Amino acid sequence: MPLNFYRFDVNWIVPWPKRPVFEALTALERFPLWWPDYRVVNRFGDESFEMTLRSTLPYSLVVTHTFTVRDAQDGHFRLALDGDIRGWIDFVVADREGGVSAVQITQECTAVKPLLRALAPVAKPAFRHNHALTMRHGRAGLEKLLGLQQLPGAGEGAR
């Protein structure tokens, strides 16, 4: 595998059933409202979104996310990634006992942004740590978002 190739496996348990979790995760245009590492989202049609991401390291990524699978019944969706990174990210959301959901996130990508390619031999651990922080921010933001939606009187306008 080239040094600029990455595979990430992330598992979340969130205190909400599958349906609202799946709906929040597939509403990519709303990510900046609750996932702080997603700074800007531009929609291109129904299936593609150009997203600018930045976590703790001093660089941004511009990545087009395109739905290739979206199956609410199975709780599964996949996004093709293109731009500063290329590859795919897969989400599987499943109900568990007690009204909670398990979210399995698998991503395989190659960094093509010149800075990331050049630094990969020495900075790969920092890039992995940055990704882990991004995912922690996402989980915390998702839980906050879904918690706010469950407040008494919170309707469609509160989402």
N, C-alpha and C. Protein backbone atom coordinates (compact mmCIF):
# COMPACT_ATOMS: atom_id res chain seq x y z
N MET A 1 0.83 -1.19 0.00
CA MET A 1 0.00 0.00 0.00
C MET A 1 0.88 1.26 0.00
N PRO A 2 0.50 2.25 -0.78
CA PRO A 2 1.25 3.50 -0.78
C PRO A 2 1.09 4.23 0.57
N LEU A 3 2.05 5.04 0.91
CA LEU A 3 2.00 5.77 2.17
C LEU A 3 0.83 6.74 2.26
N ASN A 4 0.29 7.16 1.13
CA ASN A 4 -0.82 8.10 1.15
C ASN A 4 -2.18 7.40 1.10
N PHE A 5 -2.21 6.08 1.35
CA PHE A 5 -3.45 5.31 1.44
C PHE A 5 -3.85 5.19 2.90
N TYR A 6 -5.16 5.30 3.16
CA TYR A 6 -5.67 5.22 4.52
C TYR A 6 -6.91 4.34 4.56
N ARG A 7 -7.02 3.58 5.62
CA ARG A 7 -8.25 2.86 5.94
C ARG A 7 -8.61 3.20 7.38
N PHE A 8 -9.86 3.59 7.57
CA PHE A 8 -10.35 3.93 8.89
C PHE A 8 -11.57 3.08 9.20
N ASP A 9 -11.61 2.53 10.39
CA ASP A 9 -12.77 1.79 10.88
C ASP A 9 -13.19 2.43 12.19
N VAL A 10 -14.41 2.95 12.21
CA VAL A 10 -14.91 3.67 13.37
C VAL A 10 -16.26 3.08 13.75
N ASN A 11 -16.48 2.91 15.04
CA ASN A 11 -17.77 2.40 15.53
C ASN A 11 -18.29 3.34 16.60
N TRP A 12 -19.55 3.74 16.41
CA TRP A 12 -20.22 4.57 17.40
C TRP A 12 -21.42 3.81 17.95
N ILE A 13 -21.71 3.99 19.21
CA ILE A 13 -22.99 3.62 19.79
C ILE A 13 -23.63 4.93 20.22
N VAL A 14 -24.80 5.22 19.67
CA VAL A 14 -25.47 6.48 19.98
C VAL A 14 -26.84 6.18 20.57
N PRO A 15 -27.29 7.02 21.50
CA PRO A 15 -28.53 6.74 22.24
C PRO A 15 -29.80 7.14 21.50
N TRP A 16 -29.87 6.77 20.22
CA TRP A 16 -31.04 7.09 19.40
C TRP A 16 -31.30 5.92 18.46
N PRO A 17 -32.55 5.71 18.08
CA PRO A 17 -32.85 4.63 17.14
C PRO A 17 -32.30 4.91 15.74
N LYS A 18 -32.29 3.87 14.93
CA LYS A 18 -31.69 3.91 13.60
C LYS A 18 -32.25 5.02 12.71
N ARG A 19 -33.55 5.18 12.65
CA ARG A 19 -34.14 6.10 11.68
C ARG A 19 -33.64 7.54 11.81
N PRO A 20 -33.71 8.17 13.00
CA PRO A 20 -33.21 9.56 13.06
C PRO A 20 -31.69 9.66 12.86
N VAL A 21 -30.96 8.63 13.26
CA VAL A 21 -29.51 8.64 13.05
C VAL A 21 -29.21 8.59 11.56
N PHE A 22 -29.87 7.67 10.85
CA PHE A 22 -29.67 7.54 9.41
C PHE A 22 -30.05 8.84 8.69
N GLU A 23 -31.19 9.41 9.08
CA GLU A 23 -31.64 10.65 8.44
C GLU A 23 -30.63 11.78 8.65
N ALA A 24 -30.09 11.91 9.85
CA ALA A 24 -29.11 12.97 10.11
C ALA A 24 -27.83 12.74 9.31
N LEU A 25 -27.39 11.50 9.25
CA LEU A 25 -26.13 11.21 8.56
C LEU A 25 -26.23 11.32 7.04
N THR A 26 -27.42 11.16 6.49
CA THR A 26 -27.58 11.28 5.04
C THR A 26 -27.97 12.69 4.60
N ALA A 27 -28.22 13.59 5.52
CA ALA A 27 -28.53 15.00 5.20
C ALA A 27 -27.21 15.78 5.15
N LEU A 28 -26.39 15.48 4.15
CA LEU A 28 -25.04 16.05 4.07
C LEU A 28 -25.04 17.57 4.07
N GLU A 29 -26.04 18.18 3.46
CA GLU A 29 -26.08 19.63 3.38
C GLU A 29 -26.19 20.28 4.75
N ARG A 30 -26.60 19.51 5.76
CA ARG A 30 -26.76 20.05 7.11
C ARG A 30 -25.58 19.77 8.02
N PHE A 31 -24.56 19.09 7.53
CA PHE A 31 -23.41 18.74 8.38
C PHE A 31 -22.80 19.94 9.11
N PRO A 32 -22.58 21.08 8.44
CA PRO A 32 -21.94 22.19 9.17
C PRO A 32 -22.74 22.67 10.38
N LEU A 33 -24.02 22.34 10.45
CA LEU A 33 -24.84 22.76 11.59
C LEU A 33 -24.50 21.98 12.86
N TRP A 34 -23.96 20.76 12.69
CA TRP A 34 -23.72 19.94 13.88
C TRP A 34 -22.35 19.26 13.91
N TRP A 35 -21.67 19.19 12.78
CA TRP A 35 -20.35 18.53 12.73
C TRP A 35 -19.33 19.63 12.43
N PRO A 36 -18.65 20.14 13.47
CA PRO A 36 -17.86 21.36 13.31
C PRO A 36 -16.70 21.26 12.32
N ASP A 37 -16.25 20.07 11.99
CA ASP A 37 -15.14 19.93 11.05
C ASP A 37 -15.59 20.10 9.60
N TYR A 38 -16.89 20.03 9.35
CA TYR A 38 -17.43 20.29 8.01
C TYR A 38 -17.77 21.77 7.96
N ARG A 39 -16.95 22.53 7.26
CA ARG A 39 -17.06 23.99 7.28
C ARG A 39 -18.03 24.53 6.24
N VAL A 40 -17.99 23.96 5.02
CA VAL A 40 -18.81 24.45 3.92
C VAL A 40 -19.32 23.26 3.13
N VAL A 41 -20.58 23.33 2.72
CA VAL A 41 -21.15 22.30 1.85
C VAL A 41 -21.85 22.99 0.69
N ASN A 42 -21.52 22.56 -0.53
CA ASN A 42 -22.21 23.02 -1.74
C ASN A 42 -22.83 21.80 -2.39
N ARG A 43 -24.12 21.89 -2.67
CA ARG A 43 -24.85 20.77 -3.25
C ARG A 43 -24.78 20.84 -4.77
N PHE A 44 -24.55 19.67 -5.40
CA PHE A 44 -24.58 19.54 -6.86
C PHE A 44 -25.60 18.47 -7.20
N GLY A 45 -26.83 18.86 -7.47
CA GLY A 45 -27.89 17.89 -7.75
C GLY A 45 -28.32 17.18 -6.49
N ASP A 46 -28.97 16.03 -6.67
CA ASP A 46 -29.50 15.28 -5.53
C ASP A 46 -28.47 14.41 -4.84
N GLU A 47 -27.41 14.06 -5.54
CA GLU A 47 -26.53 13.02 -5.03
C GLU A 47 -25.11 13.46 -4.68
N SER A 48 -24.70 14.67 -5.07
CA SER A 48 -23.30 15.09 -4.87
C SER A 48 -23.19 16.39 -4.08
N PHE A 49 -22.17 16.44 -3.25
CA PHE A 49 -21.93 17.58 -2.38
C PHE A 49 -20.43 17.85 -2.30
N GLU A 50 -20.03 19.08 -2.58
CA GLU A 50 -18.64 19.46 -2.37
C GLU A 50 -18.54 19.98 -0.94
N MET A 51 -17.66 19.35 -0.15
CA MET A 51 -17.57 19.66 1.27
C MET A 51 -16.15 20.08 1.62
N THR A 52 -16.03 21.16 2.38
CA THR A 52 -14.74 21.61 2.88
C THR A 52 -14.64 21.21 4.34
N LEU A 53 -13.58 20.45 4.66
CA LEU A 53 -13.36 19.94 6.01
C LEU A 53 -12.08 20.51 6.58
N ARG A 54 -12.11 20.76 7.87
CA ARG A 54 -10.89 21.17 8.57
C ARG A 54 -11.07 20.81 10.04
N SER A 55 -10.09 20.10 10.57
CA SER A 55 -10.12 19.72 11.98
C SER A 55 -9.07 20.52 12.73
N THR A 56 -8.14 19.86 13.38
CA THR A 56 -7.17 20.57 14.20
C THR A 56 -5.87 20.90 13.47
N LEU A 57 -5.51 20.13 12.47
CA LEU A 57 -4.29 20.42 11.73
C LEU A 57 -4.52 21.60 10.78
N PRO A 58 -3.47 22.35 10.45
CA PRO A 58 -3.63 23.58 9.68
C PRO A 58 -3.76 23.38 8.17
N TYR A 59 -4.73 22.59 7.76
CA TYR A 59 -5.04 22.45 6.34
C TYR A 59 -6.51 22.09 6.20
N SER A 60 -7.07 22.41 5.07
CA SER A 60 -8.45 22.05 4.75
C SER A 60 -8.44 21.04 3.62
N LEU A 61 -9.48 20.24 3.56
CA LEU A 61 -9.69 19.32 2.45
C LEU A 61 -10.98 19.71 1.75
N VAL A 62 -10.94 19.70 0.44
CA VAL A 62 -12.15 19.91 -0.35
C VAL A 62 -12.42 18.58 -1.04
N VAL A 63 -13.56 17.99 -0.70
CA VAL A 63 -13.87 16.63 -1.16
C VAL A 63 -15.31 16.58 -1.63
N THR A 64 -15.51 16.05 -2.84
CA THR A 64 -16.86 15.81 -3.33
C THR A 64 -17.32 14.45 -2.82
N HIS A 65 -18.48 14.45 -2.18
CA HIS A 65 -19.11 13.24 -1.65
C HIS A 65 -20.32 12.94 -2.55
N THR A 66 -20.35 11.76 -3.15
CA THR A 66 -21.45 11.39 -4.03
C THR A 66 -22.06 10.08 -3.55
N PHE A 67 -23.36 10.10 -3.32
CA PHE A 67 -24.04 8.87 -2.90
C PHE A 67 -23.96 7.83 -4.01
N THR A 68 -23.51 6.64 -3.67
CA THR A 68 -23.54 5.51 -4.60
C THR A 68 -24.50 4.44 -4.10
N VAL A 69 -24.78 4.45 -2.81
CA VAL A 69 -25.78 3.57 -2.18
C VAL A 69 -26.48 4.41 -1.13
N ARG A 70 -27.81 4.29 -1.06
CA ARG A 70 -28.58 4.93 0.02
C ARG A 70 -29.82 4.06 0.25
N ASP A 71 -29.76 3.23 1.28
CA ASP A 71 -30.83 2.28 1.58
C ASP A 71 -31.26 2.46 3.03
N ALA A 72 -32.32 3.23 3.24
CA ALA A 72 -32.78 3.52 4.60
C ALA A 72 -33.24 2.27 5.32
N GLN A 73 -33.87 1.35 4.62
CA GLN A 73 -34.35 0.12 5.26
C GLN A 73 -33.20 -0.68 5.87
N ASP A 74 -32.12 -0.81 5.12
CA ASP A 74 -30.94 -1.53 5.63
C ASP A 74 -30.04 -0.65 6.49
N GLY A 75 -30.30 0.66 6.50
CA GLY A 75 -29.47 1.57 7.28
C GLY A 75 -28.07 1.73 6.71
N HIS A 76 -27.95 1.60 5.39
CA HIS A 76 -26.63 1.59 4.75
C HIS A 76 -26.57 2.68 3.69
N PHE A 77 -25.47 3.42 3.71
CA PHE A 77 -25.18 4.29 2.57
C PHE A 77 -23.68 4.36 2.36
N ARG A 78 -23.33 4.61 1.12
CA ARG A 78 -21.93 4.72 0.71
C ARG A 78 -21.77 5.99 -0.09
N LEU A 79 -20.63 6.65 0.12
CA LEU A 79 -20.30 7.86 -0.61
C LEU A 79 -18.97 7.65 -1.32
N ALA A 80 -18.95 7.97 -2.61
CA ALA A 80 -17.68 8.04 -3.33
C ALA A 80 -17.05 9.38 -2.99
N LEU A 81 -15.74 9.38 -2.82
CA LEU A 81 -15.00 10.59 -2.45
C LEU A 81 -14.07 10.97 -3.58
N ASP A 82 -14.04 12.27 -3.92
CA ASP A 82 -13.13 12.74 -4.96
C ASP A 82 -12.69 14.16 -4.61
N GLY A 83 -11.51 14.51 -5.01
CA GLY A 83 -10.96 15.83 -4.71
C GLY A 83 -9.62 15.67 -4.02
N ASP A 84 -9.45 16.31 -2.87
CA ASP A 84 -8.19 16.21 -2.13
C ASP A 84 -7.93 14.81 -1.59
N ILE A 85 -8.99 14.04 -1.40
CA ILE A 85 -8.87 12.60 -1.14
C ILE A 85 -9.80 11.87 -2.09
N ARG A 86 -9.43 10.65 -2.47
CA ARG A 86 -10.25 9.84 -3.37
C ARG A 86 -10.45 8.47 -2.76
N GLY A 87 -11.66 7.98 -2.89
CA GLY A 87 -11.97 6.66 -2.35
C GLY A 87 -13.45 6.57 -2.04
N TRP A 88 -13.77 6.02 -0.86
CA TRP A 88 -15.16 5.85 -0.47
C TRP A 88 -15.27 5.81 1.05
N ILE A 89 -16.49 6.07 1.52
CA ILE A 89 -16.82 5.94 2.94
C ILE A 89 -18.18 5.27 3.03
N ASP A 90 -18.26 4.30 3.91
CA ASP A 90 -19.43 3.45 4.05
C ASP A 90 -19.99 3.61 5.46
N PHE A 91 -21.29 3.82 5.58
CA PHE A 91 -21.97 3.92 6.87
C PHE A 91 -23.02 2.83 6.96
N VAL A 92 -23.07 2.13 8.09
CA VAL A 92 -24.13 1.17 8.37
C VAL A 92 -24.67 1.51 9.74
N VAL A 93 -25.97 1.80 9.80
CA VAL A 93 -26.63 2.15 11.05
C VAL A 93 -27.60 1.02 11.38
N ALA A 94 -27.50 0.49 12.59
CA ALA A 94 -28.34 -0.64 13.00
C ALA A 94 -28.92 -0.40 14.38
N ASP A 95 -30.21 -0.74 14.54
CA ASP A 95 -30.84 -0.68 15.85
C ASP A 95 -30.23 -1.73 16.77
N ARG A 96 -30.10 -1.37 18.03
CA ARG A 96 -29.68 -2.29 19.08
C ARG A 96 -30.70 -2.24 20.20
N GLU A 97 -30.64 -3.18 21.09
CA GLU A 97 -31.57 -3.19 22.22
C GLU A 97 -31.45 -1.91 23.03
N GLY A 98 -32.57 -1.51 23.60
CA GLY A 98 -32.57 -0.33 24.45
C GLY A 98 -32.72 0.97 23.72
N GLY A 99 -33.12 0.94 22.43
CA GLY A 99 -33.34 2.17 21.68
C GLY A 99 -32.08 2.88 21.23
N VAL A 100 -30.96 2.16 21.21
CA VAL A 100 -29.71 2.76 20.75
C VAL A 100 -29.38 2.24 19.35
N SER A 101 -28.44 2.91 18.71
CA SER A 101 -27.98 2.49 17.39
C SER A 101 -26.47 2.27 17.40
N ALA A 102 -26.07 1.32 16.60
CA ALA A 102 -24.65 1.12 16.31
C ALA A 102 -24.40 1.70 14.92
N VAL A 103 -23.37 2.50 14.82
CA VAL A 103 -22.99 3.09 13.54
C VAL A 103 -21.59 2.58 13.22
N GLN A 104 -21.49 1.87 12.12
CA GLN A 104 -20.19 1.37 11.66
C GLN A 104 -19.78 2.20 10.45
N ILE A 105 -18.60 2.81 10.54
CA ILE A 105 -18.10 3.67 9.48
C ILE A 105 -16.77 3.10 9.00
N THR A 106 -16.71 2.81 7.71
CA THR A 106 -15.48 2.29 7.10
C THR A 106 -15.11 3.22 5.96
N GLN A 107 -13.85 3.61 5.92
CA GLN A 107 -13.40 4.51 4.87
C GLN A 107 -12.07 4.02 4.33
N GLU A 108 -11.97 4.01 3.01
CA GLU A 108 -10.71 3.77 2.34
C GLU A 108 -10.49 4.92 1.37
N CYS A 109 -9.31 5.52 1.47
CA CYS A 109 -9.04 6.67 0.60
C CYS A 109 -7.55 6.84 0.38
N THR A 110 -7.26 7.56 -0.67
CA THR A 110 -5.90 7.95 -0.99
C THR A 110 -5.84 9.47 -0.96
N ALA A 111 -4.88 10.00 -0.23
CA ALA A 111 -4.70 11.44 -0.19
C ALA A 111 -4.00 11.89 -1.47
N VAL A 112 -4.63 12.78 -2.20
CA VAL A 112 -4.04 13.27 -3.44
C VAL A 112 -3.63 14.73 -3.35
N LYS A 113 -4.07 15.42 -2.31
CA LYS A 113 -3.64 16.81 -2.11
C LYS A 113 -2.12 16.81 -1.98
N PRO A 114 -1.42 17.65 -2.74
CA PRO A 114 0.05 17.60 -2.74
C PRO A 114 0.69 17.69 -1.35
N LEU A 115 0.18 18.55 -0.50
CA LEU A 115 0.73 18.68 0.86
C LEU A 115 0.64 17.36 1.62
N LEU A 116 -0.51 16.70 1.54
CA LEU A 116 -0.70 15.43 2.26
C LEU A 116 0.16 14.32 1.69
N ARG A 117 0.30 14.31 0.37
CA ARG A 117 1.16 13.30 -0.26
C ARG A 117 2.61 13.49 0.17
N ALA A 118 3.07 14.74 0.17
CA ALA A 118 4.46 15.03 0.51
C ALA A 118 4.77 14.71 1.97
N LEU A 119 3.82 14.97 2.85
CA LEU A 119 4.06 14.77 4.28
C LEU A 119 3.73 13.37 4.78
N ALA A 120 3.08 12.55 3.96
CA ALA A 120 2.64 11.22 4.39
C ALA A 120 3.74 10.38 5.04
N PRO A 121 4.96 10.36 4.51
CA PRO A 121 5.98 9.51 5.13
C PRO A 121 6.26 9.83 6.60
N VAL A 122 6.14 11.09 6.98
CA VAL A 122 6.44 11.46 8.37
C VAL A 122 5.21 11.85 9.18
N ALA A 123 4.16 12.27 8.53
CA ALA A 123 3.00 12.82 9.24
C ALA A 123 1.79 11.89 9.29
N LYS A 124 1.90 10.68 8.75
CA LYS A 124 0.75 9.79 8.72
C LYS A 124 0.12 9.59 10.10
N PRO A 125 0.89 9.41 11.18
CA PRO A 125 0.26 9.29 12.50
C PRO A 125 -0.54 10.54 12.90
N ALA A 126 -0.04 11.71 12.55
CA ALA A 126 -0.79 12.94 12.85
C ALA A 126 -2.07 13.02 12.03
N PHE A 127 -2.02 12.59 10.77
CA PHE A 127 -3.22 12.57 9.93
C PHE A 127 -4.26 11.61 10.51
N ARG A 128 -3.81 10.45 10.99
CA ARG A 128 -4.73 9.47 11.59
C ARG A 128 -5.35 10.05 12.87
N HIS A 129 -4.54 10.72 13.67
CA HIS A 129 -5.05 11.34 14.89
C HIS A 129 -6.07 12.43 14.55
N ASN A 130 -5.78 13.22 13.54
CA ASN A 130 -6.70 14.27 13.10
C ASN A 130 -8.04 13.66 12.67
N HIS A 131 -7.98 12.55 11.94
CA HIS A 131 -9.21 11.87 11.52
C HIS A 131 -9.99 11.38 12.74
N ALA A 132 -9.29 10.81 13.72
CA ALA A 132 -9.96 10.33 14.93
C ALA A 132 -10.66 11.48 15.66
N LEU A 133 -10.02 12.64 15.73
CA LEU A 133 -10.66 13.80 16.35
C LEU A 133 -11.89 14.23 15.57
N THR A 134 -11.78 14.24 14.25
CA THR A 134 -12.93 14.60 13.42
C THR A 134 -14.10 13.68 13.70
N MET A 135 -13.83 12.40 13.81
CA MET A 135 -14.91 11.44 14.07
C MET A 135 -15.50 11.63 15.47
N ARG A 136 -14.67 11.93 16.45
CA ARG A 136 -15.20 12.22 17.80
C ARG A 136 -16.08 13.45 17.79
N HIS A 137 -15.64 14.48 17.06
CA HIS A 137 -16.45 15.70 16.94
C HIS A 137 -17.80 15.37 16.28
N GLY A 138 -17.76 14.51 15.27
CA GLY A 138 -19.00 14.13 14.58
C GLY A 138 -19.95 13.39 15.50
N ARG A 139 -19.44 12.45 16.26
CA ARG A 139 -20.32 11.70 17.18
C ARG A 139 -20.93 12.64 18.21
N ALA A 140 -20.13 13.51 18.80
CA ALA A 140 -20.64 14.44 19.81
C ALA A 140 -21.68 15.38 19.19
N GLY A 141 -21.42 15.87 17.99
CA GLY A 141 -22.36 16.76 17.32
C GLY A 141 -23.66 16.06 16.97
N LEU A 142 -23.56 14.81 16.52
CA LEU A 142 -24.76 14.03 16.20
C LEU A 142 -25.62 13.82 17.44
N GLU A 143 -24.99 13.48 18.55
CA GLU A 143 -25.75 13.28 19.79
C GLU A 143 -26.41 14.57 20.24
N LYS A 144 -25.71 15.69 20.11
CA LYS A 144 -26.30 16.98 20.48
C LYS A 144 -27.48 17.32 19.57
N LEU A 145 -27.28 17.14 18.25
CA LEU A 145 -28.35 17.41 17.29
C LEU A 145 -29.60 16.59 17.61
N LEU A 146 -29.42 15.29 17.78
CA LEU A 146 -30.58 14.43 18.02
C LEU A 146 -31.21 14.71 19.37
N GLY A 147 -30.42 15.09 20.35
CA GLY A 147 -30.96 15.48 21.64
C GLY A 147 -31.82 16.72 21.55
N LEU A 148 -31.38 17.70 20.76
CA LEU A 148 -32.16 18.92 20.57
C LEU A 148 -33.47 18.64 19.85
N GLN A 149 -33.46 17.69 18.91
CA GLN A 149 -34.68 17.35 18.18
C GLN A 149 -35.71 16.68 19.08
N GLN A 150 -35.27 16.11 20.18
CA GLN A 150 -36.17 15.41 21.08
C GLN A 150 -36.75 16.30 22.17
N LEU A 151 -36.35 17.57 22.23
CA LEU A 151 -36.89 18.47 23.24
C LEU A 151 -38.39 18.69 23.00
N PRO A 152 -39.16 18.82 24.07
CA PRO A 152 -40.59 19.09 23.90
C PRO A 152 -40.79 20.34 23.04
N GLY A 153 -41.68 20.23 22.08
CA GLY A 153 -41.99 21.36 21.21
C GLY A 153 -41.03 21.53 20.05
N ALA A 154 -40.01 20.67 19.97
CA ALA A 154 -39.06 20.79 18.86
C ALA A 154 -39.69 20.17 17.62
N GLY A 155 -40.02 21.01 16.68
CA GLY A 155 -40.61 20.54 15.44
C GLY A 155 -39.64 20.63 14.31
N GLU A 156 -40.15 20.56 13.11
CA GLU A 156 -39.30 20.59 11.92
C GLU A 156 -38.44 21.85 11.89
N GLY A 157 -38.97 22.97 12.33
CA GLY A 157 -38.20 24.21 12.30
C GLY A 157 -37.03 24.21 13.26
N ALA A 158 -37.05 23.34 14.27
CA ALA A 158 -35.97 23.30 15.25
C ALA A 158 -34.81 22.44 14.80
N ARG A 159 -34.98 21.75 13.71
CA ARG A 159 -33.94 20.81 13.27
C ARG A 159 -32.89 21.48 12.47
